[in-house]
C-alpha atoms as a PDB file:
ATOM      1  CA  MET A   1     136.369 174.870 131.794  1.00  0.00           C
ATOM      2  CA  THR A   2     135.143 170.983 132.825  1.00  0.00           C
ATOM      3  CA  LYS A   3     134.016 168.636 129.623  1.00  0.00           C
ATOM      4  CA  ARG A   4     130.367 168.788 131.375  1.00  0.00           C
ATOM      5  CA  VAL A   5     130.315 172.425 131.581  1.00  0.00           C
ATOM      6  CA  PHE A   6     131.740 172.689 127.704  1.00  0.00           C
ATOM      7  CA  ASP A   7     129.213 170.474 126.818  1.00  0.00           C
ATOM      8  CA  CYS A   8     126.540 172.177 128.332  1.00  0.00           C
ATOM      9  CA  VAL A   9     127.268 175.399 126.720  1.00  0.00           C
ATOM     10  CA  ALA A  10     127.880 173.879 123.330  1.00  0.00           C
ATOM     11  CA  ALA A  11     124.327 172.056 123.410  1.00  0.00           C
ATOM     12  CA  LEU A  12     122.734 175.219 124.762  1.00  0.00           C
ATOM     13  CA  VAL A  13     123.911 177.322 122.267  1.00  0.00           C
ATOM     14  CA  GLY A  14     123.426 175.401 119.477  1.00  0.00           C
ATOM     15  CA  ILE A  15     119.782 174.107 120.324  1.00  0.00           C
ATOM     16  CA  LEU A  16     119.326 178.301 120.811  1.00  0.00           C
ATOM     17  CA  CYS A  17     120.582 178.893 117.333  1.00  0.00           C
ATOM     18  CA  LEU A  18     119.092 176.162 115.583  1.00  0.00           C
ATOM     19  CA  SER A  19     115.665 176.149 116.685  1.00  0.00           C
ATOM     20  CA  PRO A  20     114.318 178.082 113.457  1.00  0.00           C
ATOM     21  CA  LEU A  21     116.224 175.096 111.352  1.00  0.00           C
ATOM     22  CA  PHE A  22     114.831 172.427 113.647  1.00  0.00           C
ATOM     23  CA  VAL A  23     111.016 173.763 113.122  1.00  0.00           C
ATOM     24  CA  ILE A  24     111.460 173.821 109.894  1.00  0.00           C
ATOM     25  CA  VAL A  25     113.032 169.960 109.417  1.00  0.00           C
ATOM     26  CA  ALA A  26     110.234 168.714 111.465  1.00  0.00           C
ATOM     27  CA  LEU A  27     107.786 170.660 109.354  1.00  0.00           C
ATOM     28  CA  LEU A  28     109.362 168.883 106.591  1.00  0.00           C
ATOM     29  CA  ILE A  29     109.485 165.416 108.128  1.00  0.00           C
ATOM     30  CA  LYS A  30     106.118 165.560 108.450  1.00  0.00           C
ATOM     31  CA  LEU A  31     105.024 166.250 105.324  1.00  0.00           C
ATOM     32  CA  ASP A  32     107.264 163.604 103.602  1.00  0.00           C
ATOM     33  CA  SER A  33     105.743 160.663 105.272  1.00  0.00           C
ATOM     34  CA  ALA A  34     103.199 159.467 108.619  1.00  0.00           C
ATOM     35  CA  GLY A  35     104.941 159.091 111.928  1.00  0.00           C
ATOM     36  CA  PRO A  36     106.884 161.455 114.553  1.00  0.00           C
ATOM     37  CA  VAL A  37     109.577 163.630 114.147  1.00  0.00           C
ATOM     38  CA  PHE A  38     112.189 161.878 116.674  1.00  0.00           C
ATOM     39  CA  PHE A  39     113.316 159.179 116.177  1.00  0.00           C
ATOM     40  CA  ARG A  40     113.936 157.407 119.654  1.00  0.00           C
ATOM     41  CA  GLN A  41     116.199 154.278 120.039  1.00  0.00           C
ATOM     42  CA  GLU A  42     118.340 152.429 123.108  1.00  0.00           C
ATOM     43  CA  ARG A  43     121.866 152.641 123.135  1.00  0.00           C
ATOM     44  CA  ILE A  44     124.415 151.724 125.362  1.00  0.00           C
ATOM     45  CA  GLY A  45     126.219 154.871 127.109  1.00  0.00           C
ATOM     46  CA  ARG A  46     128.875 155.695 130.118  1.00  0.00           C
ATOM     47  CA  GLY A  47     129.221 152.396 131.985  1.00  0.00           C
ATOM     48  CA  LEU A  48     127.255 150.381 129.955  1.00  0.00           C
ATOM     49  CA  ARG A  49     124.039 152.216 131.147  1.00  0.00           C
ATOM     50  CA  PRO A  50     121.109 151.862 128.356  1.00  0.00           C
ATOM     51  CA  PHE A  51     119.572 155.603 127.146  1.00  0.00           C
ATOM     52  CA  HIS A  52     117.490 156.697 124.175  1.00  0.00           C
ATOM     53  CA  ILE A  53     119.009 158.429 122.169  1.00  0.00           C
ATOM     54  CA  PHE A  54     117.030 161.160 119.798  1.00  0.00           C
ATOM     55  CA  LYS A  55     117.371 161.854 116.051  1.00  0.00           C
ATOM     56  CA  PHE A  56     115.536 163.357 113.545  1.00  0.00           C
ATOM     57  CA  ARG A  57     112.943 160.493 111.955  1.00  0.00           C
ATOM     58  CA  THR A  58     114.639 159.509 108.419  1.00  0.00           C
ATOM     59  CA  MET A  59     113.070 156.511 107.777  1.00  0.00           C
ATOM     60  CA  VAL A  60     109.487 155.036 107.455  1.00  0.00           C
ATOM     61  CA  ARG A  61     107.415 154.435 110.927  1.00  0.00           C
ATOM     62  CA  ASP A  62     108.250 150.901 111.491  1.00  0.00           C
ATOM     63  CA  ALA A  63     111.156 150.650 109.860  1.00  0.00           C
ATOM     64  CA  PRO A  64     113.087 148.879 113.012  1.00  0.00           C
ATOM     65  CA  ARG A  65     110.803 145.963 112.036  1.00  0.00           C
ATOM     66  CA  ARG A  66     111.189 145.769 108.832  1.00  0.00           C
ATOM     67  CA  GLY A  67     114.848 145.064 108.544  1.00  0.00           C
ATOM     68  CA  ALA A  68     118.168 145.423 110.451  1.00  0.00           C
ATOM     69  CA  ALA A  69     119.557 148.015 113.047  1.00  0.00           C
ATOM     70  CA  ILE A  70     121.749 149.289 110.497  1.00  0.00           C
ATOM     71  CA  THR A  71     121.640 151.206 106.994  1.00  0.00           C
ATOM     72  CA  PHE A  72     123.273 151.081 104.003  1.00  0.00           C
ATOM     73  CA  GLY A  73     123.032 151.626 100.646  1.00  0.00           C
ATOM     74  CA  ASP A  74     119.822 152.871  98.960  1.00  0.00           C
ATOM     75  CA  ASP A  75     117.550 151.335 102.172  1.00  0.00           C
ATOM     76  CA  PRO A  76     114.102 151.644 101.132  1.00  0.00           C
ATOM     77  CA  ARG A  77     113.234 152.464 104.527  1.00  0.00           C
ATOM     78  CA  ILE A  78     115.021 155.850 104.519  1.00  0.00           C
ATOM     79  CA  THR A  79     112.202 158.186 103.520  1.00  0.00           C
ATOM     80  CA  ARG A  80     112.777 161.125 100.622  1.00  0.00           C
ATOM     81  CA  ILE A  81     113.717 164.015 103.402  1.00  0.00           C
ATOM     82  CA  GLY A  82     115.254 161.678 104.943  1.00  0.00           C
ATOM     83  CA  ARG A  83     118.308 161.126 102.656  1.00  0.00           C
ATOM     84  CA  PHE A  84     118.766 164.828 102.567  1.00  0.00           C
ATOM     85  CA  LEU A  85     118.446 164.502 106.154  1.00  0.00           C
ATOM     86  CA  ARG A  86     121.197 161.727 106.735  1.00  0.00           C
ATOM     87  CA  ARG A  87     123.812 163.254 103.938  1.00  0.00           C
ATOM     88  CA  SER A  88     123.858 166.546 105.806  1.00  0.00           C
ATOM     89  CA  LYS A  89     123.761 165.106 109.478  1.00  0.00           C
ATOM     90  CA  ILE A  90     121.237 167.325 110.566  1.00  0.00           C
ATOM     91  CA  ASP A  91     119.444 164.095 112.003  1.00  0.00           C
ATOM     92  CA  GLU A  92     121.805 163.890 114.236  1.00  0.00           C
ATOM     93  CA  LEU A  93     121.236 167.351 115.474  1.00  0.00           C
ATOM     94  CA  PRO A  94     118.617 166.434 117.899  1.00  0.00           C
ATOM     95  CA  GLN A  95     121.077 164.609 120.153  1.00  0.00           C
ATOM     96  CA  LEU A  96     122.301 168.264 121.497  1.00  0.00           C
ATOM     97  CA  LEU A  97     119.083 167.082 124.044  1.00  0.00           C
ATOM     98  CA  ASN A  98     120.818 163.896 124.898  1.00  0.00           C
ATOM     99  CA  VAL A  99     123.888 165.943 125.894  1.00  0.00           C
ATOM    100  CA  LEU A 100     122.081 168.499 128.246  1.00  0.00           C
ATOM    101  CA  LYS A 101     120.428 165.562 129.695  1.00  0.00           C
ATOM    102  CA  GLY A 102     123.839 164.021 130.475  1.00  0.00           C
ATOM    103  CA  ASP A 103     123.729 160.724 128.632  1.00  0.00           C
ATOM    104  CA  MET A 104     125.964 161.997 126.062  1.00  0.00           C
ATOM    105  CA  SER A 105     129.164 164.540 125.349  1.00  0.00           C
ATOM    106  CA  VAL A 106     129.781 166.644 122.006  1.00  0.00           C
ATOM    107  CA  VAL A 107     132.765 164.384 121.178  1.00  0.00           C
ATOM    108  CA  GLY A 108     133.013 160.821 122.690  1.00  0.00           C
ATOM    109  CA  PRO A 109     132.513 157.539 120.988  1.00  0.00           C
ATOM    110  CA  ARG A 110     129.371 156.731 118.880  1.00  0.00           C
ATOM    111  CA  PRO A 111     127.498 155.271 121.214  1.00  0.00           C
ATOM    112  CA  GLU A 112     125.923 151.665 119.655  1.00  0.00           C
ATOM    113  CA  VAL A 113     122.965 149.140 120.374  1.00  0.00           C
ATOM    114  CA  TRP A 114     123.054 146.750 122.750  1.00  0.00           C
ATOM    115  CA  GLN A 115     123.946 143.461 120.366  1.00  0.00           C
ATOM    116  CA  TYR A 116     127.079 145.261 118.875  1.00  0.00           C
ATOM    117  CA  VAL A 117     128.212 146.327 122.611  1.00  0.00           C
ATOM    118  CA  ASP A 118     127.770 142.681 123.787  1.00  0.00           C
ATOM    119  CA  ALA A 119     130.142 141.654 120.618  1.00  0.00           C
ATOM    120  CA  TYR A 120     133.034 143.271 122.290  1.00  0.00           C
ATOM    121  CA  ARG A 121     131.950 143.804 125.601  1.00  0.00           C
ATOM    122  CA  LEU A 122     135.447 143.915 126.976  1.00  0.00           C
ATOM    123  CA  ASP A 123     136.236 146.498 124.629  1.00  0.00           C
ATOM    124  CA  TYR A 124     133.105 148.766 124.962  1.00  0.00           C
ATOM    125  CA  GLU A 125     134.488 148.575 129.119  1.00  0.00           C
ATOM    126  CA  GLU A 126     137.399 150.632 128.409  1.00  0.00           C
ATOM    127  CA  VAL A 127     135.535 152.858 125.450  1.00  0.00           C
ATOM    128  CA  LEU A 128     132.776 153.661 127.415  1.00  0.00           C
ATOM    129  CA  LYS A 129     134.049 155.064 130.552  1.00  0.00           C
ATOM    130  CA  VAL A 130     133.501 158.327 129.352  1.00  0.00           C
ATOM    131  CA  ARG A 131     130.109 159.289 127.986  1.00  0.00           C
ATOM    132  CA  PRO A 132     129.305 158.709 124.184  1.00  0.00           C
ATOM    133  CA  GLY A 133     129.402 161.733 121.988  1.00  0.00           C
ATOM    134  CA  ILE A 134     127.359 163.132 118.707  1.00  0.00           C
ATOM    135  CA  THR A 135     130.526 163.041 116.677  1.00  0.00           C
ATOM    136  CA  ASP A 136     134.232 161.336 117.357  1.00  0.00           C
ATOM    137  CA  ALA A 137     137.261 160.004 115.090  1.00  0.00           C
ATOM    138  CA  ALA A 138     135.559 157.328 113.636  1.00  0.00           C
ATOM    139  CA  SER A 139     132.549 159.383 112.718  1.00  0.00           C
ATOM    140  CA  LEU A 140     135.411 161.528 110.249  1.00  0.00           C
ATOM    141  CA  ARG A 141     137.062 158.146 109.110  1.00  0.00           C
ATOM    142  CA  PHE A 142     133.948 156.027 108.414  1.00  0.00           C
ATOM    143  CA  LYS A 143     131.708 159.452 107.334  1.00  0.00           C
ATOM    144  CA  ASP A 144     130.879 156.915 104.012  1.00  0.00           C
ATOM    145  CA  GLU A 145     129.959 153.988 106.098  1.00  0.00           C
ATOM    146  CA  ALA A 146     126.639 153.558 104.274  1.00  0.00           C
ATOM    147  CA  SER A 147     128.305 153.330 100.715  1.00  0.00           C
ATOM    148  CA  LEU A 148     130.839 150.617 101.824  1.00  0.00           C
ATOM    149  CA  LEU A 149     127.942 149.255 103.636  1.00  0.00           C
ATOM    150  CA  GLY A 150     126.202 149.094 100.539  1.00  0.00           C
ATOM    151  CA  ALA A 151     128.851 147.327  98.269  1.00  0.00           C
ATOM    152  CA  VAL A 152     128.694 144.146  99.911  1.00  0.00           C
ATOM    153  CA  ASP A 153     126.376 141.052 100.321  1.00  0.00           C
ATOM    154  CA  ASP A 154     126.735 141.017 103.706  1.00  0.00           C
ATOM    155  CA  PRO A 155     127.136 144.638 105.421  1.00  0.00           C
ATOM    156  CA  GLU A 156     126.163 143.147 108.941  1.00  0.00           C
ATOM    157  CA  ALA A 157     129.499 140.841 108.646  1.00  0.00           C
ATOM    158  CA  LEU A 158     131.388 143.823 107.374  1.00  0.00           C
ATOM    159  CA  TYR A 159     130.350 146.016 110.140  1.00  0.00           C
ATOM    160  CA  LEU A 160     131.037 143.492 113.173  1.00  0.00           C
ATOM    161  CA  THR A 161     134.120 142.197 112.152  1.00  0.00           C
ATOM    162  CA  ARG A 162     135.918 145.034 110.206  1.00  0.00           C
ATOM    163  CA  ILE A 163     134.216 148.526 110.994  1.00  0.00           C
ATOM    164  CA  LEU A 164     133.239 148.034 114.392  1.00  0.00           C
ATOM    165  CA  PRO A 165     136.985 147.167 115.413  1.00  0.00           C
ATOM    166  CA  GLN A 166     138.520 149.694 114.505  1.00  0.00           C
ATOM    167  CA  LYS A 167     135.776 151.827 115.481  1.00  0.00           C
ATOM    168  CA  LEU A 168     136.484 150.828 119.119  1.00  0.00           C
ATOM    169  CA  ASP A 169     140.770 151.250 118.182  1.00  0.00           C
ATOM    170  CA  LEU A 170     139.729 154.724 117.970  1.00  0.00           C
ATOM    171  CA  GLY A 171     137.284 155.223 121.105  1.00  0.00           C
ATOM    172  CA  LYS A 172     140.599 153.694 122.646  1.00  0.00           C
ATOM    173  CA  GLN A 173     142.570 156.301 121.435  1.00  0.00           C
ATOM    174  CA  TYR A 174     140.167 159.244 122.307  1.00  0.00           C
ATOM    175  CA  VAL A 175     139.733 158.204 125.834  1.00  0.00           C
ATOM    176  CA  ARG A 176     143.232 157.436 126.568  1.00  0.00           C
ATOM    177  CA  GLY A 177     144.384 161.033 125.409  1.00  0.00           C
ATOM    178  CA  ALA A 178     141.258 162.623 125.902  1.00  0.00           C
ATOM    179  CA  SER A 179     141.223 166.637 126.497  1.00  0.00           C
ATOM    180  CA  LEU A 180     139.437 169.537 125.725  1.00  0.00           C
ATOM    181  CA  MET A 181     141.459 170.638 123.069  1.00  0.00           C
ATOM    182  CA  GLN A 182     141.181 167.251 121.597  1.00  0.00           C
ATOM    183  CA  ASP A 183     137.649 168.066 121.815  1.00  0.00           C
ATOM    184  CA  VAL A 184     138.000 171.396 120.036  1.00  0.00           C
ATOM    185  CA  THR A 185     139.619 169.831 117.130  1.00  0.00           C
ATOM    186  CA  LEU A 186     137.082 167.164 116.666  1.00  0.00           C
ATOM    187  CA  ILE A 187     134.476 169.333 116.040  1.00  0.00           C
ATOM    188  CA  VAL A 188     135.982 171.554 113.840  1.00  0.00           C
ATOM    189  CA  LYS A 189     137.251 168.734 111.843  1.00  0.00           C
ATOM    190  CA  THR A 190     133.398 167.791 111.812  1.00  0.00           C
ATOM    191  CA  LEU A 191     132.140 170.857 111.051  1.00  0.00           C
ATOM    192  CA  ALA A 192     135.058 171.119 107.885  1.00  0.00           C
ATOM    193  CA  ALA A 193     133.698 167.769 106.725  1.00  0.00           C
ATOM    194  CA  ILE A 194     129.895 168.943 106.377  1.00  0.00           C
ATOM    195  CA  VAL A 195     130.664 171.710 104.361  1.00  0.00           C
ATOM    196  CA  GLY A 196     132.830 170.199 102.359  1.00  0.00           C
ATOM    197  CA  ARG A 197     129.973 167.542 101.678  1.00  0.00           C
ATOM    198  CA  ARG A 198     127.738 170.187 100.945  1.00  0.00           C
ATOM    199  CA  VAL A 199     129.721 172.087  98.394  1.00  0.00           C
ATOM    200  CA  SER A 200     130.561 168.704  96.663  1.00  0.00           C
ATOM    201  CA  SER A 201     127.409 167.821  96.340  1.00  0.00           C
END
């Protein structure tokens, strides 16, 4: 089974199985604050081509005009239901639509906005030889990224100089050793981390 076939089957099964949850989340978002159900943002994909990523909206409607591209700590732009969606990673589930469209894979280096890609362009030219993904090794290592960023005076500097280089190193390792078995392993580890977070919370 090729990676693209695996991605399409996994995304389609995921969407069908999770459709009742999608409806419930959509209703909660609309009840909680004004604005659309989905958040769309331009990210950079394979071959440095831009695409629009889908997420459940977790912030106020005009959040991009109110602050930085990264969120951290107790960002006041995050809505009440948004905090739960982010903690549980449910906000990422609409990216299954990006997988079906061919913009993303289930597993692959996480896509970034252009300003961060441009800062490390040569590295991203290597990392984005593959489709970006919903989860990867960096997502697991930095699962508490928002807390790390919220604990310093200059979170963007920390992200650019410390966290992002580590993510890129992990992305390069993924590209160099890409295999279906590696993808399955990362999916299992991601699901285990999500379940573990819910049990501990």
